[in-house]
Amino acid sequence: NPGHLLVSCKTGSGKTTFIKSLIRRMYELEGDGFIVADPKGSKWMGLDPRRVFRIRQDSDAHNILAVARKTLEILHSRIASREKSGASEGIRITLILDEWPTLLDMAKAVRIDDQLMSTLNAIVRLGREDRVNLWIMGQSHLVSEAGFSRTTQNNFELVALGRDDQLQSVRSIISDQWVIQDRKRRQTLNAELDQSDPT
């Protein structure tokens, strides 16, 4: 099962299809533990509407902070329970922040971005073992550009999406020497991508 994800994709590169397929599969396996913050108004596969937050204006960013804080509260409760019983309990909770750069800009506009980032960084640092995950969707694969601290970088699994001629995100990750440190491996992957690129 995926843990914390940072999904890098350009518009039209298949993000919605990818996320919906992940949600469908995880829903089948584990039930409805998804919470979505979405500024676009996408359809989220019949998820309970109380778990889909439409973020339409800057002031709605307070809803994201409230949900993040509630998620962190649940996580702290699970950690305390695990320390007593030795086992993590409860269904997986996945907080999905779609169009993350837009959501972060909204939080900045109402001056709650520091509080939001502090809460999300805590979820990323602590959540994996207790089945509390964060999925961030944006244009860049760089954790620092997404506003997260460098210490959380290794907690994210990077996903680059592309289809047809929308392969910029895939190329960016392949070419990043911090993601793929072996130069020959980067060259091999770029050559494979060039062979599959229809342009």
Protein backbone atom coordinates (compact mmCIF):
# COMPACT_ATOMS: atom_id res chain seq x y z
CA ASN A 1 0.00 0.00 0.00
CA PRO A 2 1.28 3.46 -0.78
CA GLY A 3 2.35 5.58 2.16
CA HIS A 4 3.01 9.29 1.78
CA LEU A 5 2.96 10.27 -1.90
CA LEU A 6 4.18 13.33 -3.74
CA VAL A 7 2.62 13.08 -7.19
CA SER A 8 4.24 15.26 -9.83
CA CYS A 9 2.28 15.78 -13.02
CA LYS A 10 1.47 18.37 -15.64
CA THR A 11 -2.12 19.09 -16.58
CA GLY A 12 -3.50 16.32 -18.75
CA SER A 13 -0.92 13.75 -17.72
CA GLY A 14 -3.32 11.33 -16.02
CA LYS A 15 -3.33 12.39 -12.35
CA THR A 16 -7.08 12.10 -11.81
CA THR A 17 -7.19 8.64 -13.40
CA PHE A 18 -4.21 7.51 -11.32
CA ILE A 19 -5.59 8.80 -8.02
CA LYS A 20 -9.05 7.39 -8.67
CA SER A 21 -7.58 3.98 -9.41
CA LEU A 22 -5.57 4.09 -6.17
CA ILE A 23 -8.64 5.17 -4.20
CA ARG A 24 -10.74 2.41 -5.77
CA ARG A 25 -8.18 -0.27 -4.96
CA MET A 26 -7.53 0.90 -1.42
CA TYR A 27 -11.25 1.34 -0.78
CA GLU A 28 -11.77 -2.30 -1.79
CA LEU A 29 -9.01 -3.43 0.55
CA GLU A 30 -9.45 -1.17 3.55
CA GLY A 31 -12.65 0.88 3.41
CA ASP A 32 -13.32 4.58 3.31
CA GLY A 33 -10.57 6.45 5.11
CA PHE A 34 -10.05 9.17 2.51
CA ILE A 35 -10.26 12.90 3.11
CA VAL A 36 -9.90 15.13 0.04
CA ALA A 37 -9.22 18.86 -0.24
CA ASP A 38 -9.95 19.90 -3.81
CA PRO A 39 -10.00 23.38 -5.40
CA LYS A 40 -11.24 22.13 -8.79
CA GLY A 41 -14.47 20.32 -7.98
CA SER A 42 -13.48 16.93 -9.41
CA LYS A 43 -15.68 13.89 -8.94
CA TRP A 44 -14.24 11.67 -6.23
CA MET A 45 -15.88 8.33 -6.96
CA GLY A 46 -18.81 8.57 -4.63
CA LEU A 47 -16.76 9.22 -1.50
CA ASP A 48 -18.82 10.45 1.42
CA PRO A 49 -19.38 14.17 0.61
CA ARG A 50 -18.50 15.03 4.20
CA ARG A 51 -14.97 13.85 3.40
CA VAL A 52 -14.51 16.00 0.28
CA PHE A 53 -13.74 19.63 1.00
CA ARG A 54 -14.30 22.03 -1.88
CA ILE A 55 -11.75 24.79 -1.50
CA ARG A 56 -13.06 27.64 -3.64
CA GLN A 57 -11.70 30.78 -1.96
CA ASP A 58 -8.83 31.76 0.28
CA SER A 59 -10.89 31.64 3.47
CA ASP A 60 -11.67 27.97 2.77
CA ALA A 61 -8.01 27.23 3.57
CA HIS A 62 -9.04 27.23 7.23
CA ASN A 63 -10.93 24.00 6.44
CA ILE A 64 -7.70 22.37 5.28
CA LEU A 65 -5.95 23.38 8.49
CA ALA A 66 -8.85 22.06 10.60
CA VAL A 67 -8.83 18.72 8.76
CA ALA A 68 -5.04 18.45 9.03
CA ARG A 69 -5.18 19.17 12.75
CA LYS A 70 -7.93 16.59 13.26
CA THR A 71 -5.88 14.06 11.30
CA LEU A 72 -2.83 14.79 13.46
CA GLU A 73 -4.98 14.44 16.59
CA ILE A 74 -6.12 10.98 15.41
CA LEU A 75 -2.49 10.09 14.69
CA HIS A 76 -1.36 11.11 18.19
CA SER A 77 -4.17 9.01 19.65
CA ARG A 78 -3.05 6.01 17.60
CA ILE A 79 0.55 6.46 18.69
CA ALA A 80 -0.51 6.53 22.35
CA SER A 81 -2.69 3.45 21.84
CA ARG A 82 0.12 1.60 20.07
CA GLU A 83 2.53 2.38 22.90
CA LYS A 84 0.08 0.76 25.32
CA SER A 85 -1.06 -2.24 23.28
CA GLY A 86 1.88 -2.75 20.92
CA ALA A 87 -0.29 -2.66 17.79
CA SER A 88 -1.62 0.11 15.57
CA GLU A 89 -5.40 0.23 15.32
CA GLY A 90 -7.96 1.76 12.98
CA ILE A 91 -8.46 2.01 9.25
CA ARG A 92 -5.91 3.77 7.09
CA ILE A 93 -6.54 7.50 6.83
CA THR A 94 -5.33 9.19 3.66
CA LEU A 95 -5.43 12.97 3.43
CA ILE A 96 -5.36 13.93 -0.26
CA LEU A 97 -4.42 17.52 -1.15
CA ASP A 98 -5.18 18.03 -4.82
CA GLU A 99 -3.64 20.99 -6.68
CA TRP A 100 -1.32 21.52 -3.72
CA PRO A 101 0.39 24.75 -4.95
CA THR A 102 -3.04 26.40 -5.22
CA LEU A 103 -4.06 25.23 -1.75
CA LEU A 104 -0.76 26.44 -0.26
CA ASP A 105 -1.20 29.85 -1.92
CA MET A 106 -4.67 30.09 -0.37
CA ALA A 107 -3.23 29.28 3.05
CA LYS A 108 -0.58 31.96 2.55
CA ALA A 109 -3.26 34.50 1.60
CA VAL A 110 -4.95 34.05 4.98
CA ARG A 111 -1.64 33.68 6.83
CA ILE A 112 -2.08 30.15 8.10
CA ASP A 113 0.57 28.54 5.88
CA ASP A 114 3.11 28.14 8.72
CA GLN A 115 0.53 26.40 10.92
CA LEU A 116 -0.58 24.19 8.03
CA MET A 117 2.97 23.21 7.06
CA SER A 118 3.89 22.46 10.68
CA THR A 119 0.87 20.16 10.99
CA LEU A 120 1.46 18.42 7.64
CA ASN A 121 5.18 17.94 8.35
CA ALA A 122 4.24 16.24 11.64
CA ILE A 123 1.83 13.92 9.83
CA VAL A 124 4.54 13.00 7.31
CA ARG A 125 7.17 12.39 10.00
CA LEU A 126 4.93 10.34 12.30
CA GLY A 127 2.09 8.89 10.27
CA ARG A 128 3.45 6.01 8.27
CA GLU A 129 3.66 3.45 11.07
CA ASP A 130 0.14 4.22 12.26
CA ARG A 131 -1.48 4.17 8.82
CA VAL A 132 -2.04 7.91 8.48
CA ASN A 133 -0.85 9.10 5.08
CA LEU A 134 -0.61 12.29 3.07
CA TRP A 135 -0.89 12.45 -0.72
CA ILE A 136 0.16 15.73 -2.33
CA MET A 137 -0.57 16.47 -6.00
CA GLY A 138 1.41 19.22 -7.72
CA GLN A 139 3.53 20.25 -10.68
CA SER A 140 6.96 19.60 -9.15
CA HIS A 141 8.58 16.55 -7.60
CA LEU A 142 10.71 18.70 -5.28
CA VAL A 143 9.59 18.40 -1.67
CA SER A 144 11.14 21.77 -0.85
CA GLU A 145 9.12 23.48 -3.60
CA ALA A 146 6.01 21.94 -2.09
CA GLY A 147 6.85 23.70 1.19
CA PHE A 148 7.89 20.63 3.17
CA SER A 149 11.03 20.49 5.28
CA ARG A 150 14.09 18.66 4.02
CA THR A 151 13.82 16.25 6.94
CA THR A 152 10.53 14.91 5.57
CA GLN A 153 11.84 14.35 2.04
CA ASN A 154 12.73 10.68 2.50
CA ASN A 155 9.27 9.93 3.89
CA PHE A 156 7.62 10.62 0.54
CA GLU A 157 7.38 8.20 -2.33
CA LEU A 158 7.68 10.16 -5.57
CA VAL A 159 5.31 9.44 -8.43
CA ALA A 160 5.73 11.09 -11.83
CA LEU A 161 2.87 10.78 -14.26
CA GLY A 162 2.80 11.26 -17.98
CA ARG A 163 1.00 10.09 -21.06
CA ASP A 164 1.10 10.88 -24.73
CA ASP A 165 3.32 13.95 -25.04
CA GLN A 166 2.92 15.02 -21.39
CA LEU A 167 6.12 13.46 -20.04
CA GLN A 168 7.84 16.50 -18.49
CA SER A 169 7.25 15.32 -14.91
CA VAL A 170 8.70 11.89 -15.66
CA ARG A 171 11.74 13.47 -17.32
CA SER A 172 12.29 15.79 -14.34
CA ILE A 173 12.42 12.95 -11.84
CA ILE A 174 14.62 10.77 -14.04
CA SER A 175 17.08 13.64 -14.53
CA ASP A 176 17.24 14.59 -10.84
CA GLN A 177 20.56 13.33 -9.47
CA TRP A 178 19.20 13.48 -5.92
CA VAL A 179 16.36 11.11 -6.79
CA ILE A 180 18.31 8.74 -9.03
CA GLN A 181 21.92 9.06 -7.95
CA ASP A 182 23.47 6.60 -10.40
CA ARG A 183 24.34 8.49 -13.61
CA LYS A 184 24.21 5.37 -15.79
CA ARG A 185 20.78 4.49 -14.43
CA ARG A 186 19.55 8.01 -15.30
CA GLN A 187 20.94 7.64 -18.82
CA THR A 188 19.29 4.22 -19.25
CA LEU A 189 15.92 5.48 -18.03
CA ASN A 190 16.10 8.56 -20.26
CA ALA A 191 16.91 6.33 -23.25
CA GLU A 192 13.91 4.11 -22.42
CA LEU A 193 11.70 7.16 -22.11
CA ASP A 194 12.94 8.51 -25.45
CA GLN A 195 11.99 5.19 -27.08
CA SER A 196 8.48 5.33 -25.67
CA ASP A 197 7.94 9.07 -26.31
CA PRO A 198 5.57 9.49 -29.28
CA THR A 199 6.96 12.95 -30.15
